[in-house]
Amino acid sequence: MIIDPRNCNEFGLNGIAYRPSLPFRNAHFNTMFPYALRRSPDPKYRRERWNTPDGDFFDLDFIDRGGKKVIILLHGLEGSSSSQYILGAASALSGLDADVCAVNHRSCSGEMNTTLGFYHSGFMKDLAFILDKLAEKYEGLAVVGFSLGGNMLLKYLGSHHAIPSNLKTGVAVSVPVDLSSSAVRLNHWTNRPYAIQFLKTLRKKSN
């Protein structure tokens, strides 16, 4: 599914079927073309740093539209609010009558987090904290999670015991549902360039 701003509900999240044309039916070309050649939008973010109950922090980047609703974007492994796919989604959704909140998971906003805790596919604590706080401010919430961020969202929706009643929509994009087999596939030689890219930043953070 893709988000088409011309075919959106009040949250901008009505989807249309994704039918790629040649050569975009090739998964590697489809992945690398926008990364290498698409001009990245430049949404005007306003950053907030939130301190967490366990003594850590994360950064949120907002696009303020003065709306009563907010769309929350969750990036994937070693991404950020500056990842090309988040910039594209934030730019597309910023034309709607809703604020946009691009989350930077712990350690992903350019500054290492201060505790030993780290984000991962099943880490829901920060997402729950964000949604509880934003639910106090906005009448309606929607969340779009990409890859690992989609894993976080789906686990939250499936297992969290106190989901805010004004969370109206959740969308998971390109989610590795079976993490074990996805890890094996990532280490296959055809996907090795992606694994190297992930490990480049993860190794720095683990030192």
N, C-alpha and C. Protein backbone atom coordinates (compact mmCIF):
# COMPACT_ATOMS: atom_id res chain seq x y z
N MET A 1 0.83 -1.19 0.00
CA MET A 1 0.00 0.00 0.00
C MET A 1 0.86 1.24 0.00
N ILE A 2 0.43 2.27 -0.71
CA ILE A 2 1.10 3.56 -0.66
C ILE A 2 0.09 4.62 -0.29
N ILE A 3 0.61 5.74 0.22
CA ILE A 3 -0.24 6.86 0.60
C ILE A 3 -0.32 7.82 -0.57
N ASP A 4 -1.48 8.11 -1.04
CA ASP A 4 -1.69 9.05 -2.14
C ASP A 4 -2.42 10.26 -1.58
N PRO A 5 -1.78 11.44 -1.50
CA PRO A 5 -2.43 12.61 -0.92
C PRO A 5 -3.71 13.01 -1.64
N ARG A 6 -3.88 12.54 -2.87
CA ARG A 6 -5.09 12.89 -3.62
C ARG A 6 -6.28 12.00 -3.26
N ASN A 7 -6.01 10.96 -2.49
CA ASN A 7 -7.05 9.99 -2.18
C ASN A 7 -7.00 9.66 -0.69
N CYS A 8 -7.17 10.71 0.14
CA CYS A 8 -6.95 10.53 1.57
C CYS A 8 -8.19 10.82 2.38
N ASN A 9 -8.29 10.14 3.52
CA ASN A 9 -9.32 10.47 4.48
C ASN A 9 -8.84 11.62 5.35
N GLU A 10 -9.50 11.87 6.46
CA GLU A 10 -9.14 13.02 7.28
C GLU A 10 -7.74 12.92 7.85
N PHE A 11 -7.21 11.69 7.94
CA PHE A 11 -5.85 11.52 8.42
C PHE A 11 -4.84 11.43 7.27
N GLY A 12 -5.33 11.37 6.05
CA GLY A 12 -4.41 11.22 4.94
C GLY A 12 -3.89 9.82 4.78
N LEU A 13 -4.63 8.80 5.23
CA LEU A 13 -4.09 7.46 5.28
C LEU A 13 -4.88 6.43 4.48
N ASN A 14 -5.76 6.87 3.60
CA ASN A 14 -6.38 5.91 2.69
C ASN A 14 -5.32 5.44 1.71
N GLY A 15 -5.23 4.15 1.50
CA GLY A 15 -4.20 3.61 0.64
C GLY A 15 -4.74 3.21 -0.71
N ILE A 16 -3.86 3.10 -1.68
CA ILE A 16 -4.18 2.54 -2.98
C ILE A 16 -3.20 1.40 -3.23
N ALA A 17 -3.61 0.44 -4.03
CA ALA A 17 -2.75 -0.70 -4.32
C ALA A 17 -1.48 -0.25 -5.03
N TYR A 18 -0.37 -0.85 -4.66
CA TYR A 18 0.92 -0.51 -5.26
C TYR A 18 1.17 -1.45 -6.43
N ARG A 19 1.17 -0.92 -7.64
CA ARG A 19 1.40 -1.71 -8.85
C ARG A 19 2.59 -1.12 -9.59
N PRO A 20 3.79 -1.56 -9.26
CA PRO A 20 4.99 -0.96 -9.86
C PRO A 20 5.11 -1.27 -11.35
N SER A 21 5.64 -0.30 -12.07
CA SER A 21 5.95 -0.51 -13.48
C SER A 21 7.40 -0.94 -13.61
N LEU A 22 7.74 -1.50 -14.75
CA LEU A 22 9.13 -1.83 -15.01
C LEU A 22 9.95 -0.55 -15.03
N PRO A 23 11.17 -0.52 -14.51
CA PRO A 23 11.94 -1.61 -13.88
C PRO A 23 11.74 -1.72 -12.38
N PHE A 24 10.70 -1.06 -11.84
CA PHE A 24 10.52 -1.02 -10.39
C PHE A 24 10.01 -2.34 -9.83
N ARG A 25 9.75 -3.31 -10.68
CA ARG A 25 9.37 -4.62 -10.17
C ARG A 25 10.57 -5.37 -9.61
N ASN A 26 11.76 -4.91 -9.93
CA ASN A 26 12.97 -5.45 -9.33
C ASN A 26 13.14 -4.83 -7.96
N ALA A 27 13.21 -5.67 -6.92
CA ALA A 27 13.22 -5.17 -5.54
C ALA A 27 14.42 -4.26 -5.26
N HIS A 28 15.59 -4.62 -5.79
CA HIS A 28 16.78 -3.81 -5.52
C HIS A 28 16.71 -2.46 -6.22
N PHE A 29 16.25 -2.46 -7.45
CA PHE A 29 16.10 -1.18 -8.17
C PHE A 29 15.07 -0.31 -7.45
N ASN A 30 13.98 -0.94 -7.02
CA ASN A 30 12.91 -0.20 -6.33
C ASN A 30 13.43 0.41 -5.03
N THR A 31 14.32 -0.31 -4.34
CA THR A 31 14.87 0.19 -3.09
C THR A 31 15.87 1.32 -3.31
N MET A 32 16.75 1.16 -4.28
CA MET A 32 17.88 2.07 -4.43
C MET A 32 17.55 3.31 -5.26
N PHE A 33 16.59 3.22 -6.15
CA PHE A 33 16.29 4.37 -7.01
C PHE A 33 15.93 5.62 -6.21
N PRO A 34 14.95 5.55 -5.31
CA PRO A 34 14.64 6.77 -4.56
C PRO A 34 15.77 7.20 -3.63
N TYR A 35 16.49 6.22 -3.07
CA TYR A 35 17.60 6.55 -2.17
C TYR A 35 18.68 7.34 -2.90
N ALA A 36 18.96 6.94 -4.14
CA ALA A 36 20.08 7.54 -4.87
C ALA A 36 19.68 8.71 -5.76
N LEU A 37 18.46 8.68 -6.29
CA LEU A 37 18.14 9.63 -7.36
C LEU A 37 16.96 10.55 -7.07
N ARG A 38 16.08 10.15 -6.16
CA ARG A 38 14.92 11.02 -5.90
C ARG A 38 15.35 12.23 -5.09
N ARG A 39 14.89 13.37 -5.47
CA ARG A 39 15.21 14.59 -4.73
C ARG A 39 14.47 14.57 -3.39
N SER A 40 15.23 14.71 -2.31
CA SER A 40 14.63 14.63 -0.99
C SER A 40 13.89 15.92 -0.65
N PRO A 41 12.66 15.80 -0.18
CA PRO A 41 11.95 16.99 0.30
C PRO A 41 12.66 17.57 1.52
N ASP A 42 12.33 18.79 1.86
CA ASP A 42 12.96 19.46 3.00
C ASP A 42 11.88 20.06 3.90
N PRO A 43 11.14 19.20 4.60
CA PRO A 43 10.11 19.75 5.49
C PRO A 43 10.74 20.55 6.62
N LYS A 44 10.04 21.55 7.07
CA LYS A 44 10.55 22.41 8.14
C LYS A 44 10.13 21.83 9.49
N TYR A 45 11.05 21.14 10.11
CA TYR A 45 10.78 20.50 11.39
C TYR A 45 10.98 21.48 12.55
N ARG A 46 10.26 21.21 13.60
CA ARG A 46 10.50 21.84 14.91
C ARG A 46 10.81 20.72 15.90
N ARG A 47 11.98 20.74 16.50
CA ARG A 47 12.42 19.63 17.33
C ARG A 47 12.06 19.83 18.79
N GLU A 48 11.62 18.73 19.40
CA GLU A 48 11.42 18.68 20.85
C GLU A 48 12.20 17.50 21.40
N ARG A 49 12.87 17.70 22.52
CA ARG A 49 13.54 16.60 23.23
C ARG A 49 12.68 16.20 24.41
N TRP A 50 12.34 14.93 24.47
CA TRP A 50 11.52 14.41 25.56
C TRP A 50 12.38 13.52 26.45
N ASN A 51 12.37 13.81 27.73
CA ASN A 51 13.03 12.95 28.71
C ASN A 51 12.11 11.79 29.08
N THR A 52 12.67 10.61 29.20
CA THR A 52 11.88 9.42 29.46
C THR A 52 11.87 9.10 30.95
N PRO A 53 10.87 8.34 31.41
CA PRO A 53 10.80 8.00 32.84
C PRO A 53 12.00 7.22 33.35
N ASP A 54 12.74 6.54 32.45
CA ASP A 54 13.89 5.75 32.90
C ASP A 54 15.20 6.54 32.81
N GLY A 55 15.12 7.86 32.65
CA GLY A 55 16.32 8.69 32.68
C GLY A 55 17.02 8.86 31.36
N ASP A 56 16.37 8.53 30.28
CA ASP A 56 16.95 8.68 28.94
C ASP A 56 16.21 9.80 28.19
N PHE A 57 16.40 9.86 26.87
CA PHE A 57 15.71 10.87 26.07
C PHE A 57 15.58 10.37 24.64
N PHE A 58 14.69 11.00 23.89
CA PHE A 58 14.62 10.85 22.44
C PHE A 58 14.13 12.18 21.88
N ASP A 59 14.31 12.37 20.59
CA ASP A 59 13.94 13.62 19.94
C ASP A 59 12.79 13.39 18.97
N LEU A 60 11.84 14.31 18.97
CA LEU A 60 10.71 14.30 18.06
C LEU A 60 10.78 15.54 17.17
N ASP A 61 10.52 15.36 15.88
CA ASP A 61 10.51 16.47 14.94
C ASP A 61 9.09 16.68 14.44
N PHE A 62 8.57 17.88 14.66
CA PHE A 62 7.18 18.19 14.34
C PHE A 62 7.08 19.11 13.12
N ILE A 63 6.02 18.91 12.38
CA ILE A 63 5.56 19.89 11.39
C ILE A 63 4.22 20.38 11.91
N ASP A 64 4.16 21.63 12.29
CA ASP A 64 2.97 22.20 12.93
C ASP A 64 2.03 22.78 11.89
N ARG A 65 0.80 22.27 11.89
CA ARG A 65 -0.24 22.79 11.00
C ARG A 65 -1.39 23.41 11.78
N GLY A 66 -1.28 23.37 13.10
CA GLY A 66 -2.36 23.90 13.92
C GLY A 66 -3.60 23.04 13.92
N GLY A 67 -3.43 21.75 13.58
CA GLY A 67 -4.57 20.86 13.50
C GLY A 67 -4.91 20.22 14.84
N LYS A 68 -6.05 19.56 14.86
CA LYS A 68 -6.48 18.85 16.06
C LYS A 68 -6.10 17.37 16.00
N LYS A 69 -5.43 16.99 14.92
CA LYS A 69 -5.00 15.61 14.73
C LYS A 69 -3.50 15.61 14.46
N VAL A 70 -2.86 14.46 14.70
CA VAL A 70 -1.43 14.33 14.45
C VAL A 70 -1.16 12.96 13.83
N ILE A 71 -0.25 12.94 12.87
CA ILE A 71 0.21 11.71 12.24
C ILE A 71 1.64 11.47 12.68
N ILE A 72 1.90 10.33 13.29
CA ILE A 72 3.19 10.00 13.88
C ILE A 72 3.91 9.03 12.95
N LEU A 73 5.16 9.35 12.62
CA LEU A 73 5.96 8.53 11.71
C LEU A 73 7.08 7.85 12.48
N LEU A 74 7.21 6.53 12.30
CA LEU A 74 8.24 5.73 12.97
C LEU A 74 9.20 5.17 11.93
N HIS A 75 10.47 5.52 12.03
CA HIS A 75 11.45 5.07 11.05
C HIS A 75 11.91 3.65 11.34
N GLY A 76 12.68 3.10 10.42
CA GLY A 76 13.18 1.74 10.55
C GLY A 76 14.55 1.68 11.18
N LEU A 77 15.19 0.51 11.09
CA LEU A 77 16.48 0.27 11.71
C LEU A 77 17.51 1.29 11.25
N GLU A 78 18.10 1.99 12.21
CA GLU A 78 19.16 2.98 11.99
C GLU A 78 18.74 4.11 11.06
N GLY A 79 17.44 4.35 11.00
CA GLY A 79 16.95 5.52 10.27
C GLY A 79 16.82 6.71 11.21
N SER A 80 16.07 7.70 10.78
CA SER A 80 15.83 8.89 11.59
C SER A 80 14.74 9.71 10.91
N SER A 81 14.44 10.86 11.49
CA SER A 81 13.48 11.76 10.85
C SER A 81 14.03 12.34 9.57
N SER A 82 15.33 12.18 9.34
CA SER A 82 15.96 12.67 8.12
C SER A 82 16.12 11.60 7.06
N SER A 83 15.65 10.38 7.34
CA SER A 83 15.69 9.33 6.33
C SER A 83 14.82 9.73 5.15
N GLN A 84 15.24 9.32 3.97
CA GLN A 84 14.57 9.79 2.77
C GLN A 84 13.09 9.42 2.74
N TYR A 85 12.76 8.22 3.20
CA TYR A 85 11.36 7.80 3.17
C TYR A 85 10.53 8.55 4.21
N ILE A 86 11.13 8.93 5.35
CA ILE A 86 10.40 9.72 6.33
C ILE A 86 10.21 11.14 5.81
N LEU A 87 11.25 11.72 5.20
CA LEU A 87 11.12 13.06 4.62
C LEU A 87 10.02 13.09 3.57
N GLY A 88 9.96 12.04 2.75
CA GLY A 88 8.92 11.99 1.72
C GLY A 88 7.53 11.90 2.30
N ALA A 89 7.37 11.02 3.31
CA ALA A 89 6.06 10.87 3.94
C ALA A 89 5.66 12.14 4.67
N ALA A 90 6.61 12.73 5.41
CA ALA A 90 6.31 13.95 6.16
C ALA A 90 5.91 15.07 5.23
N SER A 91 6.60 15.19 4.11
CA SER A 91 6.28 16.24 3.15
C SER A 91 4.91 16.03 2.53
N ALA A 92 4.62 14.78 2.17
CA ALA A 92 3.32 14.49 1.54
C ALA A 92 2.17 14.73 2.51
N LEU A 93 2.36 14.37 3.77
CA LEU A 93 1.29 14.49 4.75
C LEU A 93 1.16 15.88 5.35
N SER A 94 2.19 16.72 5.16
CA SER A 94 2.16 18.05 5.76
C SER A 94 1.15 18.98 5.10
N GLY A 95 0.64 18.59 3.94
CA GLY A 95 -0.38 19.40 3.28
C GLY A 95 -1.78 19.13 3.79
N LEU A 96 -1.92 18.20 4.72
CA LEU A 96 -3.23 17.86 5.25
C LEU A 96 -3.52 18.67 6.51
N ASP A 97 -4.74 18.59 6.96
CA ASP A 97 -5.15 19.33 8.16
C ASP A 97 -4.79 18.52 9.40
N ALA A 98 -3.51 18.26 9.56
CA ALA A 98 -3.02 17.50 10.71
C ALA A 98 -1.55 17.83 10.90
N ASP A 99 -1.11 17.84 12.15
CA ASP A 99 0.31 17.98 12.44
C ASP A 99 1.01 16.66 12.12
N VAL A 100 2.31 16.74 11.91
CA VAL A 100 3.13 15.56 11.67
C VAL A 100 4.20 15.49 12.75
N CYS A 101 4.41 14.29 13.29
CA CYS A 101 5.44 14.07 14.30
C CYS A 101 6.34 12.93 13.83
N ALA A 102 7.58 13.27 13.46
CA ALA A 102 8.56 12.26 13.03
C ALA A 102 9.43 11.89 14.22
N VAL A 103 9.31 10.64 14.64
CA VAL A 103 10.02 10.16 15.83
C VAL A 103 11.45 9.78 15.46
N ASN A 104 12.39 10.14 16.31
CA ASN A 104 13.75 9.60 16.25
C ASN A 104 13.90 8.63 17.42
N HIS A 105 14.07 7.35 17.12
CA HIS A 105 14.27 6.39 18.20
C HIS A 105 15.56 6.73 18.96
N ARG A 106 15.67 6.22 20.15
CA ARG A 106 16.85 6.50 20.98
C ARG A 106 18.14 6.25 20.19
N SER A 107 19.04 7.21 20.24
CA SER A 107 20.36 7.20 19.58
C SER A 107 20.31 7.55 18.11
N CYS A 108 19.14 7.85 17.56
CA CYS A 108 19.01 8.03 16.11
C CYS A 108 18.88 9.49 15.66
N SER A 109 18.99 10.44 16.58
CA SER A 109 18.83 11.84 16.19
C SER A 109 20.16 12.57 16.09
N GLY A 110 21.27 11.81 16.14
CA GLY A 110 22.58 12.42 16.05
C GLY A 110 23.31 12.49 17.37
N GLU A 111 22.67 12.03 18.43
CA GLU A 111 23.27 12.04 19.76
C GLU A 111 22.93 10.74 20.47
N MET A 112 23.94 10.09 21.03
CA MET A 112 23.71 8.81 21.69
C MET A 112 22.83 8.99 22.92
N ASN A 113 22.00 7.97 23.16
CA ASN A 113 21.19 7.99 24.37
C ASN A 113 22.07 7.72 25.59
N THR A 114 21.54 8.00 26.76
CA THR A 114 22.38 8.04 27.97
C THR A 114 22.32 6.78 28.82
N THR A 115 21.41 5.87 28.53
CA THR A 115 21.31 4.63 29.29
C THR A 115 21.72 3.45 28.42
N LEU A 116 21.80 2.27 29.04
CA LEU A 116 22.14 1.07 28.27
C LEU A 116 20.97 0.57 27.44
N GLY A 117 19.77 1.06 27.73
CA GLY A 117 18.61 0.66 26.96
C GLY A 117 18.71 1.13 25.52
N PHE A 118 18.14 0.34 24.60
CA PHE A 118 18.25 0.65 23.18
C PHE A 118 16.94 0.30 22.50
N TYR A 119 16.70 0.86 21.36
CA TYR A 119 15.46 0.53 20.63
C TYR A 119 15.64 -0.80 19.89
N HIS A 120 14.54 -1.49 19.63
CA HIS A 120 14.55 -2.71 18.85
C HIS A 120 13.13 -2.96 18.34
N SER A 121 12.96 -4.03 17.58
CA SER A 121 11.68 -4.27 16.91
C SER A 121 10.51 -4.45 17.87
N GLY A 122 10.79 -4.95 19.06
CA GLY A 122 9.71 -5.17 20.03
C GLY A 122 9.64 -4.12 21.11
N PHE A 123 10.38 -3.04 20.95
CA PHE A 123 10.46 -2.01 21.99
C PHE A 123 9.26 -1.08 21.88
N MET A 124 8.35 -1.15 22.84
CA MET A 124 7.11 -0.37 22.79
C MET A 124 7.08 0.78 23.79
N LYS A 125 8.01 0.80 24.73
CA LYS A 125 7.92 1.72 25.86
C LYS A 125 7.87 3.18 25.41
N ASP A 126 8.76 3.56 24.50
CA ASP A 126 8.77 4.95 24.04
C ASP A 126 7.53 5.28 23.22
N LEU A 127 7.11 4.34 22.38
CA LEU A 127 5.91 4.57 21.58
C LEU A 127 4.69 4.78 22.48
N ALA A 128 4.55 3.96 23.49
CA ALA A 128 3.43 4.12 24.43
C ALA A 128 3.50 5.48 25.12
N PHE A 129 4.70 5.89 25.52
CA PHE A 129 4.90 7.18 26.17
C PHE A 129 4.50 8.32 25.24
N ILE A 130 4.92 8.24 23.99
CA ILE A 130 4.60 9.27 23.00
C ILE A 130 3.09 9.36 22.78
N LEU A 131 2.46 8.22 22.57
CA LEU A 131 1.03 8.23 22.28
C LEU A 131 0.21 8.72 23.47
N ASP A 132 0.59 8.33 24.67
CA ASP A 132 -0.13 8.79 25.85
C ASP A 132 -0.05 10.31 25.98
N LYS A 133 1.13 10.87 25.73
CA LYS A 133 1.30 12.32 25.85
C LYS A 133 0.58 13.07 24.74
N LEU A 134 0.72 12.60 23.51
CA LEU A 134 0.07 13.29 22.40
C LEU A 134 -1.44 13.14 22.45
N ALA A 135 -1.93 12.06 23.04
CA ALA A 135 -3.37 11.86 23.17
C ALA A 135 -4.00 12.91 24.08
N GLU A 136 -3.20 13.51 24.94
CA GLU A 136 -3.70 14.57 25.81
C GLU A 136 -3.86 15.89 25.05
N LYS A 137 -3.15 16.02 23.95
CA LYS A 137 -3.13 17.28 23.19
C LYS A 137 -4.03 17.24 21.97
N TYR A 138 -4.12 16.07 21.32
CA TYR A 138 -4.82 15.97 20.04
C TYR A 138 -6.10 15.14 20.17
N GLU A 139 -7.09 15.49 19.35
CA GLU A 139 -8.35 14.75 19.32
C GLU A 139 -8.20 13.42 18.60
N GLY A 140 -7.30 13.36 17.65
CA GLY A 140 -7.11 12.14 16.89
C GLY A 140 -5.65 11.88 16.60
N LEU A 141 -5.24 10.61 16.67
CA LEU A 141 -3.87 10.20 16.40
C LEU A 141 -3.87 9.11 15.34
N ALA A 142 -2.85 9.15 14.48
CA ALA A 142 -2.60 8.08 13.52
C ALA A 142 -1.11 7.81 13.53
N VAL A 143 -0.72 6.55 13.30
CA VAL A 143 0.69 6.17 13.32
C VAL A 143 1.01 5.41 12.04
N VAL A 144 2.14 5.78 11.42
CA VAL A 144 2.67 5.05 10.27
C VAL A 144 4.06 4.56 10.63
N GLY A 145 4.26 3.24 10.65
CA GLY A 145 5.55 2.67 10.99
C GLY A 145 6.18 2.00 9.79
N PHE A 146 7.45 2.29 9.56
CA PHE A 146 8.19 1.72 8.44
C PHE A 146 9.17 0.67 8.94
N SER A 147 9.12 -0.52 8.36
CA SER A 147 10.05 -1.60 8.68
C SER A 147 10.07 -1.86 10.19
N LEU A 148 11.21 -1.68 10.86
CA LEU A 148 11.27 -1.90 12.30
C LEU A 148 10.23 -1.07 13.05
N GLY A 149 10.01 0.17 12.60
CA GLY A 149 8.98 1.00 13.22
C GLY A 149 7.60 0.40 13.08
N GLY A 150 7.37 -0.30 11.97
CA GLY A 150 6.11 -1.01 11.79
C GLY A 150 5.98 -2.18 12.75
N ASN A 151 7.10 -2.88 13.02
CA ASN A 151 7.09 -3.94 14.03
C ASN A 151 6.68 -3.40 15.40
N MET A 152 7.29 -2.28 15.78
CA MET A 152 6.94 -1.65 17.05
C MET A 152 5.44 -1.37 17.13
N LEU A 153 4.93 -0.79 16.05
CA LEU A 153 3.52 -0.40 16.03
C LEU A 153 2.61 -1.62 16.14
N LEU A 154 2.89 -2.66 15.36
CA LEU A 154 2.02 -3.83 15.37
C LEU A 154 2.03 -4.53 16.73
N LYS A 155 3.21 -4.61 17.35
CA LYS A 155 3.27 -5.23 18.68
C LYS A 155 2.49 -4.39 19.69
N TYR A 156 2.64 -3.08 19.59
CA TYR A 156 1.90 -2.18 20.49
C TYR A 156 0.40 -2.39 20.32
N LEU A 157 -0.08 -2.39 19.09
CA LEU A 157 -1.52 -2.53 18.85
C LEU A 157 -2.03 -3.89 19.28
N GLY A 158 -1.18 -4.91 19.18
CA GLY A 158 -1.62 -6.26 19.51
C GLY A 158 -1.51 -6.65 20.96
N SER A 159 -0.67 -5.92 21.72
CA SER A 159 -0.41 -6.39 23.08
C SER A 159 -0.49 -5.32 24.16
N HIS A 160 -0.52 -4.06 23.79
CA HIS A 160 -0.54 -3.02 24.83
C HIS A 160 -1.90 -2.98 25.50
N HIS A 161 -1.91 -2.78 26.80
CA HIS A 161 -3.15 -2.92 27.56
C HIS A 161 -3.95 -1.63 27.66
N ALA A 162 -3.35 -0.48 27.29
CA ALA A 162 -4.04 0.79 27.49
C ALA A 162 -3.83 1.71 26.29
N ILE A 163 -4.41 1.33 25.16
CA ILE A 163 -4.28 2.13 23.94
C ILE A 163 -5.23 3.33 24.03
N PRO A 164 -4.75 4.54 23.76
CA PRO A 164 -5.63 5.71 23.83
C PRO A 164 -6.83 5.56 22.89
N SER A 165 -7.98 5.98 23.37
CA SER A 165 -9.20 5.84 22.57
C SER A 165 -9.18 6.72 21.33
N ASN A 166 -8.36 7.76 21.32
CA ASN A 166 -8.31 8.64 20.15
C ASN A 166 -7.21 8.26 19.17
N LEU A 167 -6.59 7.07 19.35
CA LEU A 167 -5.73 6.52 18.31
C LEU A 167 -6.63 5.84 17.28
N LYS A 168 -6.72 6.43 16.10
CA LYS A 168 -7.73 6.01 15.12
C LYS A 168 -7.18 5.11 14.03
N THR A 169 -5.90 5.26 13.71
CA THR A 169 -5.36 4.57 12.53
C THR A 169 -3.93 4.11 12.78
N GLY A 170 -3.60 2.91 12.33
CA GLY A 170 -2.24 2.41 12.36
C GLY A 170 -1.90 1.78 11.02
N VAL A 171 -0.76 2.15 10.45
CA VAL A 171 -0.33 1.63 9.16
C VAL A 171 1.10 1.11 9.29
N ALA A 172 1.34 -0.14 8.90
CA ALA A 172 2.68 -0.73 8.93
C ALA A 172 3.15 -0.94 7.50
N VAL A 173 4.33 -0.42 7.18
CA VAL A 173 4.86 -0.44 5.82
C VAL A 173 6.12 -1.29 5.77
N SER A 174 6.13 -2.30 4.89
CA SER A 174 7.33 -3.11 4.63
C SER A 174 7.91 -3.68 5.93
N VAL A 175 7.07 -4.40 6.66
CA VAL A 175 7.46 -4.89 7.98
C VAL A 175 8.03 -6.31 7.88
N PRO A 176 9.21 -6.55 8.47
CA PRO A 176 9.76 -7.91 8.53
C PRO A 176 9.08 -8.70 9.65
N VAL A 177 7.96 -9.30 9.35
CA VAL A 177 7.12 -9.92 10.38
C VAL A 177 7.85 -11.08 11.07
N ASP A 178 8.54 -11.92 10.29
CA ASP A 178 9.32 -13.01 10.86
C ASP A 178 10.77 -12.53 10.96
N LEU A 179 11.17 -12.06 12.14
CA LEU A 179 12.47 -11.43 12.30
C LEU A 179 13.62 -12.41 12.08
N SER A 180 13.46 -13.66 12.50
CA SER A 180 14.52 -14.64 12.35
C SER A 180 14.84 -14.90 10.88
N SER A 181 13.81 -15.20 10.10
CA SER A 181 14.06 -15.48 8.68
C SER A 181 14.48 -14.21 7.94
N SER A 182 14.03 -13.06 8.40
CA SER A 182 14.45 -11.80 7.78
C SER A 182 15.93 -11.56 8.01
N ALA A 183 16.42 -11.88 9.22
CA ALA A 183 17.84 -11.72 9.51
C ALA A 183 18.68 -12.65 8.64
N VAL A 184 18.21 -13.87 8.45
CA VAL A 184 18.92 -14.81 7.59
C VAL A 184 18.97 -14.28 6.16
N ARG A 185 17.83 -13.79 5.71
CA ARG A 185 17.77 -13.27 4.34
C ARG A 185 18.64 -12.03 4.16
N LEU A 186 18.72 -11.21 5.19
CA LEU A 186 19.55 -10.01 5.12
C LEU A 186 21.02 -10.36 4.95
N ASN A 187 21.42 -11.50 5.50
CA ASN A 187 22.82 -11.92 5.39
C ASN A 187 23.12 -12.69 4.11
N HIS A 188 22.10 -12.89 3.28
CA HIS A 188 22.35 -13.52 1.98
C HIS A 188 23.19 -12.57 1.13
N TRP A 189 24.03 -13.13 0.25
CA TRP A 189 24.97 -12.29 -0.51
C TRP A 189 24.26 -11.23 -1.35
N THR A 190 23.03 -11.51 -1.79
CA THR A 190 22.32 -10.52 -2.61
C THR A 190 21.89 -9.30 -1.81
N ASN A 191 21.81 -9.46 -0.50
CA ASN A 191 21.40 -8.35 0.36
C ASN A 191 22.54 -7.81 1.22
N ARG A 192 23.75 -8.28 0.95
CA ARG A 192 24.88 -7.90 1.80
C ARG A 192 25.11 -6.39 1.87
N PRO A 193 24.94 -5.64 0.79
CA PRO A 193 25.14 -4.18 0.90
C PRO A 193 24.24 -3.52 1.94
N TYR A 194 23.01 -4.03 2.09
CA TYR A 194 22.11 -3.46 3.10
C TYR A 194 22.61 -3.79 4.51
N ALA A 195 23.05 -5.03 4.71
CA ALA A 195 23.56 -5.43 6.02
C ALA A 195 24.78 -4.60 6.40
N ILE A 196 25.67 -4.36 5.44
CA ILE A 196 26.86 -3.55 5.71
C ILE A 196 26.47 -2.14 6.13
N GLN A 197 25.47 -1.59 5.48
CA GLN A 197 25.03 -0.24 5.81
C GLN A 197 24.48 -0.17 7.23
N PHE A 198 23.67 -1.16 7.61
CA PHE A 198 23.13 -1.19 8.97
C PHE A 198 24.25 -1.32 10.00
N LEU A 199 25.18 -2.24 9.73
CA LEU A 199 26.24 -2.51 10.71
C LEU A 199 27.21 -1.35 10.85
N LYS A 200 27.33 -0.53 9.82
CA LYS A 200 28.26 0.59 9.88
C LYS A 200 27.96 1.51 11.06
N THR A 201 26.68 1.83 11.26
CA THR A 201 26.32 2.72 12.36
C THR A 201 26.12 1.96 13.67
N LEU A 202 25.62 0.72 13.59
CA LEU A 202 25.41 -0.05 14.81
C LEU A 202 26.72 -0.35 15.52
N ARG A 203 27.77 -0.63 14.76
CA ARG A 203 29.06 -0.92 15.37
C ARG A 203 29.61 0.31 16.10
N LYS A 204 29.43 1.46 15.51
CA LYS A 204 29.88 2.69 16.17
C LYS A 204 29.15 2.91 17.49
N LYS A 205 27.86 2.63 17.51
CA LYS A 205 27.08 2.83 18.71
C LYS A 205 27.41 1.83 19.81
N SER A 206 27.86 0.66 19.41
CA SER A 206 28.14 -0.38 20.40
C SER A 206 29.53 -0.24 21.02
N ASN A 207 30.36 0.61 20.47
CA ASN A 207 31.71 0.81 21.01
C ASN A 207 31.71 1.70 22.24
